[in-house]
Protein backbone atom coordinates (compact mmCIF):
# COMPACT_ATOMS: atom_id res chain seq x y z
CA UNK A 1 0.00 0.00 0.00
CA UNK A 2 1.42 3.41 -0.97
CA UNK A 3 2.60 5.53 1.94
CA UNK A 4 0.20 8.37 1.00
CA UNK A 5 -2.86 6.08 1.16
CA UNK A 6 -1.67 4.63 4.50
CA UNK A 7 -1.31 8.12 5.97
CA UNK A 8 -4.80 9.11 4.73
CA UNK A 9 -6.33 5.98 6.23
CA UNK A 10 -4.54 6.59 9.54
CA UNK A 11 -5.79 10.19 9.59
CA UNK A 12 -9.35 9.06 8.93
CA UNK A 13 -9.15 6.50 11.74
CA UNK A 14 -7.71 9.13 14.12
CA UNK A 15 -10.40 11.67 13.20
CA UNK A 16 -13.13 9.07 13.69
CA UNK A 17 -11.71 8.23 17.13
CA UNK A 18 -11.58 11.93 18.08
CA UNK A 19 -15.17 12.50 16.94
CA UNK A 20 -16.33 9.46 18.90
CA UNK A 21 -14.45 10.70 21.99
CA UNK A 22 -15.92 14.19 21.70
CA UNK A 23 -19.43 12.81 21.30
CA UNK A 24 -19.02 10.63 24.39
CA UNK A 25 -17.57 13.60 26.27
CA UNK A 26 -20.48 15.79 25.19
CA UNK A 27 -22.98 13.15 26.33
CA UNK A 28 -21.21 12.89 29.67
CA UNK A 29 -21.17 16.68 30.03
CA UNK A 30 -24.89 16.85 29.33
CA UNK A 31 -25.53 14.07 31.83
CA UNK A 32 -23.29 15.77 34.39
CA UNK A 33 -25.01 19.12 33.93
CA UNK A 34 -28.42 17.44 34.15
CA UNK A 35 -27.48 15.65 37.37
CA UNK A 36 -25.90 18.80 38.77
CA UNK A 37 -29.12 20.69 38.03
CA UNK A 38 -31.19 18.05 39.81
CA UNK A 39 -28.81 18.14 42.77
CA UNK A 40 -29.16 21.93 43.05
CA UNK A 41 -32.94 21.61 42.91
CA UNK A 42 -32.78 19.08 45.76
CA UNK A 43 -30.62 21.42 47.82
CA UNK A 44 -33.05 24.31 47.25
CA UNK A 45 -35.97 22.27 48.60
CA UNK A 46 -34.12 20.50 51.43
CA UNK A 47 -34.45 21.00 55.18
CA UNK A 48 -32.24 19.42 57.83
CA UNK A 49 -34.07 18.13 60.91
CA UNK A 50 -32.25 17.43 64.18
CA UNK A 51 -34.28 15.94 67.06
CA UNK A 52 -32.52 16.82 70.31
CA UNK A 53 -32.97 16.07 73.97
CA UNK A 54 -30.41 17.70 76.28
CA UNK A 55 -27.87 18.06 73.47
CA UNK A 56 -26.60 21.58 74.24
CA UNK A 57 -23.01 20.34 74.34
CA UNK A 58 -23.19 18.54 70.99
CA UNK A 59 -25.16 21.07 68.96
CA UNK A 60 -22.57 23.86 68.43
CA UNK A 61 -20.10 21.65 66.54
CA UNK A 62 -22.86 19.76 64.75
CA UNK A 63 -24.62 22.90 63.50
CA UNK A 64 -21.30 24.38 62.38
CA UNK A 65 -20.64 21.22 60.37
CA UNK A 66 -24.09 21.39 58.79
CA UNK A 67 -23.44 24.94 57.61
CA UNK A 68 -20.07 23.88 56.20
CA UNK A 69 -21.31 20.76 54.41
CA UNK A 70 -24.78 22.03 53.43
CA UNK A 71 -24.44 25.81 53.14
CA UNK A 72 -27.66 27.84 53.13
CA UNK A 73 -29.79 24.77 53.84
CA UNK A 74 -32.30 25.59 56.62
CA UNK A 75 -31.99 23.64 59.86
CA UNK A 76 -34.85 22.67 62.15
CA UNK A 77 -34.02 21.54 65.69
CA UNK A 78 -36.80 19.70 67.51
CA UNK A 79 -36.25 20.46 71.18
CA UNK A 80 -37.89 17.47 72.87
CA UNK A 81 -38.50 18.98 76.31
CA UNK A 82 -34.82 19.45 77.14
CA UNK A 83 -33.77 20.58 80.60
CA UNK A 84 -30.56 22.20 79.39
CA UNK A 85 -29.88 25.07 76.96
CA UNK A 86 -30.60 23.03 73.80
CA UNK A 87 -33.12 25.52 72.39
CA UNK A 88 -30.98 28.58 73.16
CA UNK A 89 -27.83 27.05 71.66
CA UNK A 90 -29.72 26.01 68.51
CA UNK A 91 -31.09 29.53 67.98
CA UNK A 92 -27.68 31.11 68.59
CA UNK A 93 -26.28 28.96 65.78
CA UNK A 94 -28.95 29.94 63.27
CA UNK A 95 -31.38 27.03 63.55
CA UNK A 96 -35.14 27.30 63.70
CA UNK A 97 -36.37 25.68 66.92
CA UNK A 98 -39.59 23.74 67.40
CA UNK A 99 -40.22 23.22 71.12
CA UNK A 100 -42.17 20.19 72.28
CA UNK A 101 -44.26 20.93 75.41
CA UNK A 102 -42.62 18.01 77.26
CA UNK A 103 -40.28 15.10 76.59
CA UNK A 104 -42.59 13.30 74.15
CA UNK A 105 -40.00 10.83 72.85
CA UNK A 106 -38.04 10.67 69.63
CA UNK A 107 -40.90 9.26 67.53
CA UNK A 108 -43.32 12.05 68.37
CA UNK A 109 -40.59 14.68 68.03
CA UNK A 110 -39.57 13.40 64.62
CA UNK A 111 -43.17 13.32 63.41
CA UNK A 112 -43.52 16.97 64.45
CA UNK A 113 -40.53 17.67 62.21
CA UNK A 114 -42.13 15.81 59.31
CA UNK A 115 -45.31 17.84 59.76
CA UNK A 116 -43.31 21.09 59.79
CA UNK A 117 -41.45 20.15 56.59
CA UNK A 118 -44.64 19.09 54.83
CA UNK A 119 -46.59 22.20 55.81
CA UNK A 120 -43.73 24.49 54.76
CA UNK A 121 -43.43 22.97 51.30
CA UNK A 122 -40.07 21.20 51.50
CA UNK A 123 -39.51 18.37 49.04
CA UNK A 124 -36.77 16.60 51.00
CA UNK A 125 -35.90 16.21 54.66
CA UNK A 126 -32.52 15.09 55.94
CA UNK A 127 -32.57 13.79 59.50
CA UNK A 128 -29.47 13.92 61.68
CA UNK A 129 -29.27 12.83 65.31
CA UNK A 130 -28.46 15.55 67.81
CA UNK A 131 -25.64 13.56 69.43
CA UNK A 132 -23.28 14.15 66.50
CA UNK A 133 -23.01 10.51 65.38
CA UNK A 134 -24.13 11.39 61.85
CA UNK A 135 -21.45 13.52 60.12
CA UNK A 136 -23.13 16.09 57.86
CA UNK A 137 -20.23 15.62 55.44
CA UNK A 138 -21.66 12.15 54.70
CA UNK A 139 -25.02 13.55 53.60
CA UNK A 140 -23.93 13.67 49.96
CA UNK A 141 -24.10 9.86 49.84
CA UNK A 142 -27.79 9.97 50.72
CA UNK A 143 -28.52 12.86 48.36
CA UNK A 144 -26.79 11.07 45.47
CA UNK A 145 -28.70 7.84 46.15
CA UNK A 146 -32.01 9.73 46.23
CA UNK A 147 -31.12 11.50 42.99
CA UNK A 148 -29.96 8.36 41.17
CA UNK A 149 -32.61 5.91 42.36
CA UNK A 150 -36.39 5.85 42.33
CA UNK A 151 -36.75 5.59 46.11
CA UNK A 152 -38.78 7.35 48.78
CA UNK A 153 -36.35 6.88 51.66
CA UNK A 154 -32.56 6.59 51.83
CA UNK A 155 -31.01 5.29 55.05
CA UNK A 156 -27.38 5.82 55.99
CA UNK A 157 -26.01 2.52 57.32
CA UNK A 158 -22.99 2.24 59.58
CA UNK A 159 -22.38 -1.24 58.17
CA UNK A 160 -20.69 -1.76 54.82
CA UNK A 161 -18.27 1.14 55.07
CA UNK A 162 -14.64 1.25 56.12
CA UNK A 163 -15.33 1.67 59.84
CA UNK A 164 -18.29 0.45 61.87
CA UNK A 165 -19.26 2.36 65.00
CA UNK A 166 -21.30 0.35 67.51
CA UNK A 167 -21.13 1.27 71.18
CA UNK A 168 -20.96 -2.26 72.66
CA UNK A 169 -20.65 -5.86 71.47
CA UNK A 170 -24.11 -6.68 72.86
CA UNK A 171 -25.60 -3.76 70.97
CA UNK A 172 -23.92 -5.02 67.80
CA UNK A 173 -25.47 -8.49 68.26
CA UNK A 174 -28.87 -6.96 69.00
CA UNK A 175 -28.78 -4.69 65.95
CA UNK A 176 -27.68 -7.48 63.62
CA UNK A 177 -30.37 -9.84 64.90
CA UNK A 178 -33.01 -7.17 64.48
CA UNK A 179 -31.71 -6.46 60.97
CA UNK A 180 -32.14 -10.11 60.00
CA UNK A 181 -35.74 -10.21 61.23
CA UNK A 182 -36.59 -6.89 59.59
CA UNK A 183 -35.05 -8.04 56.30
CA UNK A 184 -37.39 -11.02 56.29
CA UNK A 185 -40.59 -9.09 56.93
CA UNK A 186 -39.61 -6.24 54.57
CA UNK A 187 -38.40 -8.64 51.86
CA UNK A 188 -35.53 -6.24 51.38
CA UNK A 189 -32.06 -6.29 52.89
CA UNK A 190 -31.72 -4.21 56.04
CA UNK A 191 -28.33 -3.88 57.74
CA UNK A 192 -28.85 -0.99 60.16
CA UNK A 193 -32.45 -0.94 61.47
CA UNK A 194 -31.75 1.59 64.23
CA UNK A 195 -30.09 4.22 62.05
CA UNK A 196 -31.72 7.65 62.18
CA UNK A 197 -29.57 9.04 59.35
CA UNK A 198 -32.40 9.46 56.84
CA UNK A 199 -33.29 11.32 53.66
CA UNK A 200 -37.06 11.42 52.98
CA UNK A 201 -38.82 12.64 49.83
CA UNK A 202 -42.01 14.69 49.77
CA UNK A 203 -44.34 11.77 49.08
CA UNK A 204 -43.16 10.01 52.23
CA UNK A 205 -43.12 13.31 54.14
CA UNK A 206 -46.86 13.42 53.57
CA UNK A 207 -47.29 9.86 54.83
CA UNK A 208 -45.12 10.36 57.92
CA UNK A 209 -46.87 13.63 58.73
CA UNK A 210 -50.13 11.66 58.86
CA UNK A 211 -48.96 8.48 60.55
CA UNK A 212 -45.62 7.58 62.12
CA UNK A 213 -44.67 4.91 64.69
CA UNK A 214 -43.63 6.44 67.98
CA UNK A 215 -42.55 3.52 70.17
CA UNK A 216 -39.49 2.27 68.23
CA UNK A 217 -39.59 4.61 65.26
CA UNK A 218 -36.64 3.61 63.06
CA UNK A 219 -37.22 -0.16 62.69
CA UNK A 220 -41.01 0.17 62.85
CA UNK A 221 -40.96 2.89 60.19
CA UNK A 222 -38.98 0.70 57.78
CA UNK A 223 -41.54 -2.11 58.13
CA UNK A 224 -44.35 0.47 57.84
CA UNK A 225 -42.86 1.91 54.64
CA UNK A 226 -42.62 -1.50 52.99
CA UNK A 227 -46.08 -2.53 54.14
CA UNK A 228 -47.56 0.54 52.46
CA UNK A 229 -45.67 -0.16 49.23
CA UNK A 230 -43.01 2.55 49.40
CA UNK A 231 -39.36 1.93 48.67
CA UNK A 232 -36.17 2.47 50.62
CA UNK A 233 -32.50 1.70 50.21
CA UNK A 234 -29.45 1.82 52.40
CA UNK A 235 -26.11 3.41 51.59
CA UNK A 236 -22.94 2.88 53.64
CA UNK A 237 -21.82 5.99 55.50
CA UNK A 238 -19.29 6.79 58.17
CA UNK A 239 -20.66 7.05 61.70
CA UNK A 240 -18.75 8.29 64.72
CA UNK A 241 -19.13 8.07 68.51
CA UNK A 242 -21.37 10.65 70.14
CA UNK A 243 -19.45 13.83 70.87
CA UNK A 244 -20.84 14.33 74.39
CA UNK A 245 -23.22 12.76 76.89
CA UNK A 246 -24.26 9.11 76.83
CA UNK A 247 -26.87 6.89 75.21
CA UNK A 248 -30.23 6.48 76.92
CA UNK A 249 -30.08 2.70 76.32
CA UNK A 250 -27.76 0.98 78.80
CA UNK A 251 -25.56 -1.98 77.98
CA UNK A 252 -27.75 -4.53 79.77
CA UNK A 253 -30.93 -3.06 78.30
CA UNK A 254 -29.91 -3.89 74.72
CA UNK A 255 -31.42 -7.38 74.45
CA UNK A 256 -34.57 -6.39 76.33
CA UNK A 257 -34.94 -3.43 73.99
CA UNK A 258 -34.43 -5.64 70.91
CA UNK A 259 -37.02 -8.12 72.21
CA UNK A 260 -39.58 -5.32 72.68
CA UNK A 261 -38.87 -4.07 69.16
CA UNK A 262 -39.46 -7.56 67.74
CA UNK A 263 -42.81 -7.75 69.55
CA UNK A 264 -43.77 -4.30 68.26
CA UNK A 265 -42.92 -5.33 64.69
CA UNK A 266 -45.10 -8.44 64.99
CA UNK A 267 -48.02 -6.41 66.34
CA UNK A 268 -47.56 -3.85 63.56
CA UNK A 269 -48.10 -6.59 60.97
CA UNK A 270 -51.70 -7.09 62.07
CA UNK A 271 -52.53 -3.55 63.17
CA UNK A 272 -54.75 -1.69 60.66
CA UNK A 273 -53.13 1.28 58.93
CA UNK A 274 -54.65 4.67 58.26
CA UNK A 275 -56.59 4.60 54.97
CA UNK A 276 -55.48 6.70 52.03
CA UNK A 277 -51.72 6.69 52.60
CA UNK A 278 -50.58 3.55 50.77
CA UNK A 279 -48.22 3.98 47.82
CA UNK A 280 -50.82 3.24 45.13
CA UNK A 281 -53.09 5.95 46.58
CA UNK A 282 -50.52 8.74 47.09
CA UNK A 283 -49.25 10.11 43.79
CA UNK A 284 -46.05 12.16 43.92
CA UNK A 285 -47.58 14.95 41.84
CA UNK A 286 -50.66 15.09 44.08
CA UNK A 287 -48.56 16.02 47.10
CA UNK A 288 -46.61 18.84 45.46
Foldseek 3Di string as FASTA:
>chain_A
DDPVVVVVVVVVVVVVVVVVVVVVVVVVVVVVVVLVVVLVVLLVQEEEEEEDAQLLVQPVVQLVQCCVQNNPHAYEYEYQAHPDCVVVSCVVSPHHYDYDPHNPADFVSVLVVLLVSLVVRGFKYWYDYSLQQARSNQVVQVSVCVSVDVAFKEFADQPPDDDHDDPDPLLQVLQQVLQVVLCVLLVHHDRGQQGPGMMGGNLVSVVSNVDADGPRGRNLVSSVCSVLPGGYYYDYDHTDDGPDDDDPQDPVCNNVVSVVVVVVNVVVVPDDDDPQSRPVRGDPVVSD
